[in-house]
Each structure stands twice: as structure tokens, then as C-alpha cells.
């Protein structure tokens, strides 16, 4: 069984690492995804509270450090 993560409603990702060290990531979506490219690298997530008038909400900024293009296929 490979680790699985729910990224957002209707999207799920799982990954596996082969004996040779190659990592495969599978992303499943309930609707077709229209992506232009896939990048890999170490990620940084910055979380912060943002005030807007009388309310506030949480916001995050994702960043991929030293991104590299990854091979991908669509099924």
C-alpha cells in the first residue's frame, strides 16, 4: 500500500519508491486535469493569517525549491 494524500476536493495523490530509488507519483482527479507541465523538487509551504475587513482567513504560499521538469503520462 502506498501513502495517499487528499490535496483538494476531487483530487488525490499517492506515491511509491522503487528498489532503484525512482519515485512515481500518481494524481487522480474526479474531472479531467488540464496541466501544461509537471515539476518536482523540495517544497516549502508558508502559512499566514490574512485580514480582510472584519474577518480573517488562512492563506498559504507554495514554493518549489530548484524545480526540475518531470516526465508524465495521462491515463
N, C-alpha and C. Protein backbone atom coordinates (compact mmCIF):
# COMPACT_ATOMS: atom_id res chain seq x y z
N UNK A 1 0.85 -1.18 0.00
CA UNK A 1 0.00 0.00 0.00
C UNK A 1 0.89 1.24 0.00
N UNK A 2 0.60 2.19 -0.87
CA UNK A 2 1.40 3.40 -0.93
C UNK A 2 0.70 4.54 -0.19
N UNK A 3 1.49 5.47 0.36
CA UNK A 3 0.88 6.62 1.05
C UNK A 3 -0.01 7.38 0.09
N UNK A 4 -1.13 7.89 0.60
CA UNK A 4 -2.09 8.61 -0.22
C UNK A 4 -2.48 9.91 0.47
N UNK A 5 -2.67 10.95 -0.31
CA UNK A 5 -2.99 12.26 0.24
C UNK A 5 -4.15 12.88 -0.52
N UNK A 6 -5.09 13.50 0.19
CA UNK A 6 -6.15 14.27 -0.45
C UNK A 6 -5.67 15.70 -0.54
N UNK A 7 -5.49 16.21 -1.76
CA UNK A 7 -4.96 17.55 -1.95
C UNK A 7 -6.06 18.59 -1.90
N UNK A 8 -7.18 18.32 -2.52
CA UNK A 8 -8.35 19.20 -2.57
C UNK A 8 -9.52 18.32 -2.96
N UNK A 9 -10.70 18.84 -2.81
CA UNK A 9 -11.89 18.07 -3.14
C UNK A 9 -11.81 17.54 -4.58
N UNK A 10 -11.91 16.23 -4.74
CA UNK A 10 -11.88 15.63 -6.07
C UNK A 10 -10.50 15.27 -6.58
N UNK A 11 -9.44 15.55 -5.79
CA UNK A 11 -8.06 15.25 -6.21
C UNK A 11 -7.38 14.43 -5.13
N UNK A 12 -6.62 13.43 -5.56
CA UNK A 12 -5.88 12.58 -4.62
C UNK A 12 -4.53 12.23 -5.23
N UNK A 13 -3.50 12.17 -4.40
CA UNK A 13 -2.17 11.82 -4.88
C UNK A 13 -1.62 10.68 -4.04
N UNK A 14 -0.87 9.79 -4.69
CA UNK A 14 -0.17 8.71 -3.98
C UNK A 14 1.20 8.57 -4.62
N UNK A 15 2.14 7.98 -3.87
CA UNK A 15 3.47 7.80 -4.42
C UNK A 15 4.06 6.47 -4.01
N UNK A 16 5.06 6.03 -4.78
CA UNK A 16 5.80 4.81 -4.45
C UNK A 16 7.25 5.02 -4.87
N UNK A 17 8.15 4.33 -4.19
CA UNK A 17 9.58 4.41 -4.49
C UNK A 17 10.05 3.00 -4.85
N UNK A 18 10.69 2.86 -6.02
CA UNK A 18 11.15 1.56 -6.47
C UNK A 18 12.44 1.17 -5.74
N UNK A 19 12.86 -0.07 -5.92
CA UNK A 19 14.10 -0.55 -5.30
C UNK A 19 15.33 0.21 -5.81
N UNK A 20 15.23 0.77 -7.02
CA UNK A 20 16.34 1.54 -7.58
C UNK A 20 16.31 3.01 -7.18
N UNK A 21 15.31 3.41 -6.39
CA UNK A 21 15.23 4.79 -5.91
C UNK A 21 14.39 5.72 -6.75
N UNK A 22 13.77 5.21 -7.82
CA UNK A 22 12.89 6.05 -8.64
C UNK A 22 11.55 6.23 -7.94
N UNK A 23 11.07 7.45 -7.93
CA UNK A 23 9.79 7.76 -7.30
C UNK A 23 8.73 7.97 -8.37
N UNK A 24 7.56 7.36 -8.17
CA UNK A 24 6.41 7.54 -9.05
C UNK A 24 5.29 8.17 -8.25
N UNK A 25 4.72 9.25 -8.79
CA UNK A 25 3.60 9.93 -8.14
C UNK A 25 2.39 9.79 -9.05
N UNK A 26 1.26 9.35 -8.49
CA UNK A 26 0.01 9.24 -9.25
C UNK A 26 -0.97 10.26 -8.70
N UNK A 27 -1.53 11.08 -9.57
CA UNK A 27 -2.54 12.07 -9.18
C UNK A 27 -3.83 11.68 -9.86
N UNK A 28 -4.88 11.53 -9.06
CA UNK A 28 -6.20 11.17 -9.59
C UNK A 28 -7.15 12.34 -9.38
N UNK A 29 -8.00 12.57 -10.36
CA UNK A 29 -8.94 13.67 -10.30
C UNK A 29 -10.31 13.20 -10.76
N UNK A 30 -11.34 13.70 -10.11
CA UNK A 30 -12.70 13.31 -10.50
C UNK A 30 -13.11 13.97 -11.82
N UNK A 31 -12.40 15.02 -12.22
CA UNK A 31 -12.65 15.66 -13.51
C UNK A 31 -11.32 15.76 -14.26
N UNK A 32 -11.34 15.88 -15.59
CA UNK A 32 -10.10 15.96 -16.35
C UNK A 32 -9.24 17.15 -15.90
N UNK A 33 -7.92 16.91 -15.82
CA UNK A 33 -6.99 17.97 -15.45
C UNK A 33 -6.32 18.51 -16.71
N UNK A 34 -6.18 19.81 -16.80
CA UNK A 34 -5.54 20.43 -17.96
C UNK A 34 -4.24 21.07 -17.49
N UNK A 35 -3.19 20.27 -17.39
CA UNK A 35 -1.91 20.79 -16.93
C UNK A 35 -1.00 21.02 -18.13
N UNK A 36 -0.05 21.93 -17.98
CA UNK A 36 0.89 22.24 -19.05
C UNK A 36 2.25 21.60 -18.82
N UNK A 37 2.60 21.39 -17.55
CA UNK A 37 3.90 20.81 -17.22
C UNK A 37 3.85 20.27 -15.80
N UNK A 38 4.79 19.40 -15.47
CA UNK A 38 4.91 18.85 -14.13
C UNK A 38 6.34 19.08 -13.67
N UNK A 39 6.49 19.60 -12.46
CA UNK A 39 7.81 19.88 -11.90
C UNK A 39 7.97 19.16 -10.57
N UNK A 40 9.19 18.79 -10.24
CA UNK A 40 9.49 18.14 -8.97
C UNK A 40 10.58 18.92 -8.25
N UNK A 41 10.64 18.73 -6.95
CA UNK A 41 11.66 19.37 -6.12
C UNK A 41 11.17 19.44 -4.69
N UNK A 42 12.01 19.89 -3.81
CA UNK A 42 11.61 20.07 -2.42
C UNK A 42 10.66 21.25 -2.35
N UNK A 43 9.62 21.12 -1.55
CA UNK A 43 8.60 22.16 -1.47
C UNK A 43 8.64 22.87 -0.13
N UNK A 44 8.23 24.11 -0.16
CA UNK A 44 8.10 24.92 1.05
C UNK A 44 6.69 25.49 1.05
N UNK A 45 5.99 25.35 2.17
CA UNK A 45 4.65 25.93 2.31
C UNK A 45 4.68 26.98 3.41
N UNK A 46 4.29 28.20 3.07
CA UNK A 46 4.25 29.29 4.04
C UNK A 46 2.78 29.57 4.36
N UNK A 47 2.40 29.39 5.63
CA UNK A 47 1.04 29.64 6.07
C UNK A 47 0.97 30.97 6.81
N UNK A 48 -0.11 31.72 6.59
CA UNK A 48 -0.27 33.01 7.27
C UNK A 48 -1.75 33.35 7.40
N UNK A 49 -2.07 34.20 8.36
CA UNK A 49 -3.41 34.72 8.52
C UNK A 49 -3.50 36.04 7.77
N UNK A 50 -4.55 36.22 6.98
CA UNK A 50 -4.73 37.43 6.19
C UNK A 50 -6.02 38.10 6.65
N UNK A 51 -5.92 39.38 7.02
CA UNK A 51 -7.09 40.14 7.44
C UNK A 51 -7.75 40.77 6.24
N UNK A 52 -9.07 40.71 6.20
CA UNK A 52 -9.83 41.34 5.12
C UNK A 52 -11.07 41.96 5.75
N UNK A 53 -10.99 43.23 6.07
CA UNK A 53 -12.11 43.90 6.73
C UNK A 53 -12.24 43.43 8.16
N UNK A 54 -13.43 42.92 8.52
CA UNK A 54 -13.69 42.47 9.89
C UNK A 54 -13.39 40.98 10.08
N UNK A 55 -12.97 40.32 9.03
CA UNK A 55 -12.69 38.88 9.16
C UNK A 55 -11.25 38.59 8.73
N UNK A 56 -10.82 37.39 8.99
CA UNK A 56 -9.50 36.96 8.54
C UNK A 56 -9.60 35.52 8.08
N UNK A 57 -8.68 35.12 7.24
CA UNK A 57 -8.65 33.76 6.75
C UNK A 57 -7.20 33.31 6.61
N UNK A 58 -7.02 32.00 6.55
CA UNK A 58 -5.69 31.43 6.41
C UNK A 58 -5.35 31.33 4.94
N UNK A 59 -4.13 31.66 4.59
CA UNK A 59 -3.66 31.60 3.22
C UNK A 59 -2.31 30.90 3.22
N UNK A 60 -1.99 30.18 2.15
CA UNK A 60 -0.67 29.58 2.07
C UNK A 60 -0.05 29.86 0.72
N UNK A 61 1.27 29.94 0.73
CA UNK A 61 2.04 30.19 -0.48
C UNK A 61 2.97 29.00 -0.71
N UNK A 62 2.68 28.18 -1.74
CA UNK A 62 3.57 27.05 -2.03
C UNK A 62 4.74 27.49 -2.92
N UNK A 63 5.91 26.94 -2.67
CA UNK A 63 7.09 27.23 -3.47
C UNK A 63 7.85 25.92 -3.67
N UNK A 64 8.27 25.66 -4.90
CA UNK A 64 9.12 24.51 -5.17
C UNK A 64 10.54 25.03 -5.33
N UNK A 65 11.43 24.55 -4.46
CA UNK A 65 12.82 24.98 -4.49
C UNK A 65 13.58 24.21 -5.57
N UNK A 66 14.31 24.89 -6.41
CA UNK A 66 15.04 24.27 -7.52
C UNK A 66 14.18 23.31 -8.32
N UNK A 67 13.06 23.79 -8.92
CA UNK A 67 12.18 22.89 -9.67
C UNK A 67 12.87 22.30 -10.89
N UNK A 68 12.53 21.04 -11.18
CA UNK A 68 13.05 20.36 -12.37
C UNK A 68 11.87 19.73 -13.10
N UNK A 69 11.82 19.83 -14.44
CA UNK A 69 10.73 19.20 -15.18
C UNK A 69 10.72 17.69 -14.95
N UNK A 70 9.52 17.12 -14.84
CA UNK A 70 9.38 15.68 -14.63
C UNK A 70 8.64 15.05 -15.81
N UNK A 71 8.94 13.80 -16.08
CA UNK A 71 8.21 13.05 -17.11
C UNK A 71 6.82 12.77 -16.57
N UNK A 72 5.81 12.80 -17.44
CA UNK A 72 4.46 12.47 -17.01
C UNK A 72 3.70 11.79 -18.14
N UNK A 73 2.66 11.09 -17.74
CA UNK A 73 1.77 10.46 -18.72
C UNK A 73 0.35 10.64 -18.21
N UNK A 74 -0.59 10.59 -19.11
CA UNK A 74 -2.00 10.75 -18.78
C UNK A 74 -2.73 9.45 -19.10
N UNK A 75 -3.58 9.00 -18.20
CA UNK A 75 -4.32 7.74 -18.45
C UNK A 75 -5.79 7.97 -18.33
